[in-house]
């Protein structure tokens, strides 16, 4: 019973931002559960290495396709290529994203526009392109990687928090659109995970302060998001839709 709940044999997953960090960890556990996976990011060399590693570790089919998710034409091309190469996409993980910290009165239009396109619009466009096939097969899983920064925030994270909060609203609406077709749509809201993006923009003091705010007094490791993702991607999560799964080590439990 347990093995069937988490079995992804014959399923195909597309994971954006899949060449490293959280995306790579999620793609790996999908492959371990029996799925074929297609990884996408802007970095072809990293994608090739990640796909090779997943194939070596799991013996599953692992392919890659480089695409810039800030370019709407590239998003459409990725969707077309994914279906052409893999035959179908059953599980979509919209994980690609970025953060450019800026106070509200210092936001540059070009940065705002890029973050909205990458963190939010690309998720809509890729979902829009792939759900028709899921509807035909009457099975699908859409997982948006939001953030606890979409549920709370800190100074200077205006664009990032706005886009991550918007993903939550879009997931709720899409869940209602697609539920009748046995397609679930959810968000995962990670807290402080030790990936390249936060480590590149936070000082050592800020990193330590964030760790101290969690109940577990540490940063999460990318592999610790794999289990929650597998839950939402499999039959184990078949009655979970239109919601947000917070995976933050207890960070949002603390008021002061």
Protein backbone atom coordinates (compact mmCIF):
# COMPACT_ATOMS: atom_id res chain seq x y z
CA UNK A 1 0.00 0.00 0.00
CA UNK A 2 2.73 2.46 0.97
CA UNK A 3 4.82 1.73 -2.11
CA UNK A 4 1.82 2.25 -4.38
CA UNK A 5 0.99 5.58 -2.78
CA UNK A 6 4.37 7.02 -3.70
CA UNK A 7 4.97 5.11 -6.93
CA UNK A 8 5.53 7.35 -9.97
CA UNK A 9 6.19 4.56 -12.47
CA UNK A 10 5.05 5.66 -15.98
CA UNK A 11 4.75 9.30 -14.86
CA UNK A 12 6.77 12.09 -16.48
CA UNK A 13 7.88 15.19 -14.56
CA UNK A 14 9.16 18.56 -15.75
CA UNK A 15 11.11 20.53 -13.15
CA UNK A 16 12.20 24.08 -13.91
CA UNK A 17 15.24 25.37 -12.11
CA UNK A 18 16.18 21.72 -12.09
CA UNK A 19 19.93 21.84 -12.54
CA UNK A 20 20.77 22.35 -8.87
CA UNK A 21 19.44 22.97 -5.37
CA UNK A 22 15.78 22.34 -4.65
CA UNK A 23 14.89 21.56 -8.26
CA UNK A 24 17.55 18.90 -8.59
CA UNK A 25 16.58 17.35 -5.25
CA UNK A 26 12.92 17.13 -6.28
CA UNK A 27 13.74 15.71 -9.72
CA UNK A 28 15.97 13.09 -8.11
CA UNK A 29 13.30 11.78 -5.76
CA UNK A 30 10.77 11.67 -8.60
CA UNK A 31 13.23 9.54 -10.56
CA UNK A 32 13.82 7.32 -7.52
CA UNK A 33 10.05 6.82 -7.35
CA UNK A 34 9.99 5.63 -10.97
CA UNK A 35 9.25 8.77 -12.98
CA UNK A 36 11.02 9.97 -16.09
CA UNK A 37 12.24 13.54 -15.58
CA UNK A 38 13.01 16.52 -17.77
CA UNK A 39 15.12 19.24 -16.19
CA UNK A 40 15.19 22.83 -17.34
CA UNK A 41 17.20 25.93 -16.45
CA UNK A 42 19.32 28.47 -18.32
CA UNK A 43 22.55 26.58 -17.75
CA UNK A 44 23.06 23.73 -20.20
CA UNK A 45 26.33 22.49 -18.71
CA UNK A 46 24.79 22.25 -15.24
CA UNK A 47 21.68 20.59 -16.67
CA UNK A 48 23.72 17.92 -18.42
CA UNK A 49 25.65 17.18 -15.24
CA UNK A 50 22.46 16.99 -13.17
CA UNK A 51 20.73 14.69 -15.67
CA UNK A 52 23.80 12.44 -15.81
CA UNK A 53 23.89 12.26 -12.02
CA UNK A 54 20.20 11.36 -11.79
CA UNK A 55 20.55 8.65 -14.44
CA UNK A 56 23.59 7.18 -12.68
CA UNK A 57 21.88 7.23 -9.30
CA UNK A 58 18.44 5.96 -10.28
CA UNK A 59 18.66 4.36 -13.76
CA UNK A 60 15.61 6.45 -14.64
CA UNK A 61 15.24 8.41 -17.85
CA UNK A 62 16.56 11.94 -17.24
CA UNK A 63 16.62 14.54 -20.02
CA UNK A 64 17.24 18.28 -20.06
CA UNK A 65 16.32 21.35 -22.08
CA UNK A 66 17.84 24.76 -21.51
CA UNK A 67 15.37 27.65 -21.48
CA UNK A 68 15.19 31.22 -20.19
CA UNK A 69 11.95 31.48 -18.22
CA UNK A 70 11.95 35.27 -18.46
CA UNK A 71 11.30 34.90 -22.21
CA UNK A 72 7.69 33.96 -23.05
CA UNK A 73 8.71 32.43 -26.38
CA UNK A 74 11.25 30.25 -24.57
CA UNK A 75 8.56 29.07 -22.16
CA UNK A 76 6.33 28.05 -25.06
CA UNK A 77 9.24 26.31 -26.75
CA UNK A 78 10.04 24.42 -23.55
CA UNK A 79 6.47 23.17 -23.29
CA UNK A 80 6.44 22.04 -26.91
CA UNK A 81 9.85 20.37 -26.62
CA UNK A 82 8.88 18.64 -23.38
CA UNK A 83 5.81 17.04 -24.94
CA UNK A 84 7.66 16.18 -28.14
CA UNK A 85 10.62 14.61 -26.38
CA UNK A 86 8.91 12.95 -23.40
CA UNK A 87 5.51 12.21 -24.95
CA UNK A 88 3.61 13.86 -22.09
CA UNK A 89 4.07 15.78 -18.86
CA UNK A 90 2.14 14.49 -15.84
CA UNK A 91 3.90 16.44 -13.10
CA UNK A 92 4.95 20.08 -13.47
CA UNK A 93 7.12 21.73 -10.83
CA UNK A 94 7.47 25.47 -11.36
CA UNK A 95 10.63 26.01 -9.35
CA UNK A 96 12.67 28.55 -11.35
CA UNK A 97 12.90 31.88 -9.57
CA UNK A 98 15.12 34.72 -8.43
CA UNK A 99 15.31 37.48 -5.85
CA UNK A 100 16.69 41.01 -6.17
CA UNK A 101 16.33 42.69 -2.75
CA UNK A 102 15.33 46.36 -3.06
CA UNK A 103 13.45 48.76 -0.76
CA UNK A 104 10.07 49.85 -2.14
CA UNK A 105 11.34 53.31 -3.09
CA UNK A 106 14.39 51.93 -4.92
CA UNK A 107 12.82 49.25 -7.11
CA UNK A 108 14.03 49.44 -10.70
CA UNK A 109 11.38 48.79 -13.32
CA UNK A 110 13.59 46.33 -15.17
CA UNK A 111 14.16 44.29 -12.01
CA UNK A 112 10.48 44.28 -11.08
CA UNK A 113 9.46 43.24 -14.60
CA UNK A 114 12.05 40.47 -14.74
CA UNK A 115 11.06 39.01 -11.36
CA UNK A 116 7.35 39.10 -12.18
CA UNK A 117 8.03 37.37 -15.50
CA UNK A 118 10.29 34.73 -13.98
CA UNK A 119 8.68 34.05 -10.60
CA UNK A 120 5.03 34.33 -11.63
CA UNK A 121 4.22 34.73 -15.31
CA UNK A 122 6.38 31.84 -16.47
CA UNK A 123 4.52 29.58 -14.04
CA UNK A 124 1.20 30.63 -15.54
CA UNK A 125 2.44 30.25 -19.11
CA UNK A 126 3.99 26.81 -18.61
CA UNK A 127 0.98 25.54 -16.68
CA UNK A 128 -1.35 26.91 -19.37
CA UNK A 129 0.60 25.07 -22.04
CA UNK A 130 0.76 21.70 -20.27
CA UNK A 131 -2.57 21.24 -18.50
CA UNK A 132 -4.56 20.46 -21.69
CA UNK A 133 -2.72 17.14 -21.93
CA UNK A 134 -3.30 16.46 -18.25
CA UNK A 135 -7.00 17.15 -18.73
CA UNK A 136 -7.16 14.69 -21.62
CA UNK A 137 -5.52 11.99 -19.48
CA UNK A 138 -7.52 13.04 -16.42
CA UNK A 139 -4.47 13.03 -14.17
CA UNK A 140 -1.99 15.71 -13.31
CA UNK A 141 0.02 17.44 -10.63
CA UNK A 142 1.07 21.10 -10.68
CA UNK A 143 3.39 22.27 -7.92
CA UNK A 144 4.44 25.91 -7.65
CA UNK A 145 7.44 26.61 -5.45
CA UNK A 146 6.37 29.66 -3.49
CA UNK A 147 8.13 30.72 -0.29
CA UNK A 148 7.42 31.65 3.30
CA UNK A 149 8.29 35.10 1.96
CA UNK A 150 4.93 34.96 0.23
CA UNK A 151 3.22 34.49 3.61
CA UNK A 152 5.38 36.91 5.61
CA UNK A 153 8.29 39.08 4.57
CA UNK A 154 11.22 41.22 5.53
CA UNK A 155 12.50 44.60 4.41
CA UNK A 156 13.53 44.94 0.80
CA UNK A 157 11.77 41.86 -0.53
CA UNK A 158 8.87 43.64 -2.24
CA UNK A 159 9.02 42.04 -5.67
CA UNK A 160 9.93 38.59 -4.38
CA UNK A 161 7.19 38.49 -1.75
CA UNK A 162 4.63 39.88 -4.19
CA UNK A 163 5.33 37.19 -6.77
CA UNK A 164 5.46 34.35 -4.26
CA UNK A 165 2.17 35.46 -2.68
CA UNK A 166 0.61 35.66 -6.14
CA UNK A 167 1.54 32.02 -6.78
CA UNK A 168 -0.58 31.04 -3.79
CA UNK A 169 -3.60 32.85 -5.18
CA UNK A 170 -3.08 31.38 -8.64
CA UNK A 171 -2.80 27.87 -7.21
CA UNK A 172 -6.12 28.23 -5.40
CA UNK A 173 -7.90 29.42 -8.54
CA UNK A 174 -6.26 26.79 -10.76
CA UNK A 175 -7.19 24.03 -8.33
CA UNK A 176 -10.84 24.97 -8.85
CA UNK A 177 -10.38 25.09 -12.62
CA UNK A 178 -8.76 21.66 -12.80
CA UNK A 179 -10.10 19.59 -9.92
CA UNK A 180 -12.84 18.00 -12.01
CA UNK A 181 -10.10 16.54 -14.24
CA UNK A 182 -8.27 14.87 -11.35
CA UNK A 183 -5.51 17.47 -11.47
CA UNK A 184 -4.21 18.92 -8.23
CA UNK A 185 -2.51 22.31 -7.94
CA UNK A 186 -0.54 23.26 -4.84
CA UNK A 187 2.27 25.43 -3.57
CA UNK A 188 5.21 24.49 -1.45
CA UNK A 189 6.50 27.35 0.68
CA UNK A 190 10.10 26.62 1.66
CA UNK A 191 11.74 28.47 4.49
CA UNK A 192 15.50 28.94 4.79
CA UNK A 193 17.09 26.30 2.60
CA UNK A 194 20.82 26.29 1.98
CA UNK A 195 20.81 26.85 -1.77
CA UNK A 196 22.84 29.16 -3.95
CA UNK A 197 20.32 32.01 -4.12
CA UNK A 198 20.02 32.90 -0.41
CA UNK A 199 23.64 32.10 0.28
CA UNK A 200 24.69 34.52 -2.45
CA UNK A 201 22.67 37.52 -1.18
CA UNK A 202 22.85 37.08 2.62
CA UNK A 203 25.80 37.90 4.83
CA UNK A 204 27.11 35.33 7.33
CA UNK A 205 25.38 37.28 10.11
CA UNK A 206 22.07 37.23 8.24
CA UNK A 207 22.41 33.51 7.57
CA UNK A 208 23.00 32.84 11.26
CA UNK A 209 20.04 35.02 12.25
CA UNK A 210 17.72 33.15 9.91
CA UNK A 211 18.87 29.80 11.26
CA UNK A 212 18.16 31.02 14.78
CA UNK A 213 14.60 31.98 13.84
CA UNK A 214 13.69 28.39 12.97
CA UNK A 215 12.48 25.94 15.59
CA UNK A 216 15.25 23.56 14.50
CA UNK A 217 17.96 26.23 14.70
CA UNK A 218 19.38 25.44 11.28
CA UNK A 219 18.96 25.86 7.56
CA UNK A 220 17.22 23.13 5.61
CA UNK A 221 19.07 21.00 3.09
CA UNK A 222 17.64 20.64 -0.46
CA UNK A 223 16.96 16.93 0.08
CA UNK A 224 14.56 17.84 2.89
CA UNK A 225 12.16 19.34 0.35
CA UNK A 226 12.11 16.15 -1.72
CA UNK A 227 9.67 14.27 0.52
CA UNK A 228 7.02 17.02 0.57
CA UNK A 229 7.32 17.31 -3.22
CA UNK A 230 6.88 13.56 -3.65
CA UNK A 231 3.78 13.67 -1.46
CA UNK A 232 2.14 16.29 -3.68
CA UNK A 233 3.28 14.61 -6.91
CA UNK A 234 1.98 11.14 -6.07
CA UNK A 235 -1.23 9.36 -5.17
CA UNK A 236 -0.33 9.93 -1.53
CA UNK A 237 -1.38 13.56 -2.05
CA UNK A 238 -4.38 12.93 -4.27
CA UNK A 239 -6.80 14.80 -1.97
CA UNK A 240 -4.51 17.77 -1.37
CA UNK A 241 -5.19 20.69 -3.71
CA UNK A 242 -5.46 24.46 -3.64
CA UNK A 243 -3.27 24.78 -0.59
CA UNK A 244 0.22 25.68 0.62
CA UNK A 245 2.55 23.18 2.25
CA UNK A 246 4.94 25.13 4.47
CA UNK A 247 8.36 23.51 4.86
CA UNK A 248 10.30 25.98 6.96
CA UNK A 249 11.78 24.23 10.01
CA UNK A 250 9.24 26.09 12.16
CA UNK A 251 10.34 29.59 11.13
CA UNK A 252 6.80 30.95 10.87
CA UNK A 253 5.95 29.58 14.32
CA UNK A 254 8.03 32.32 15.96
CA UNK A 255 6.42 35.69 16.61
CA UNK A 256 9.39 37.43 18.25
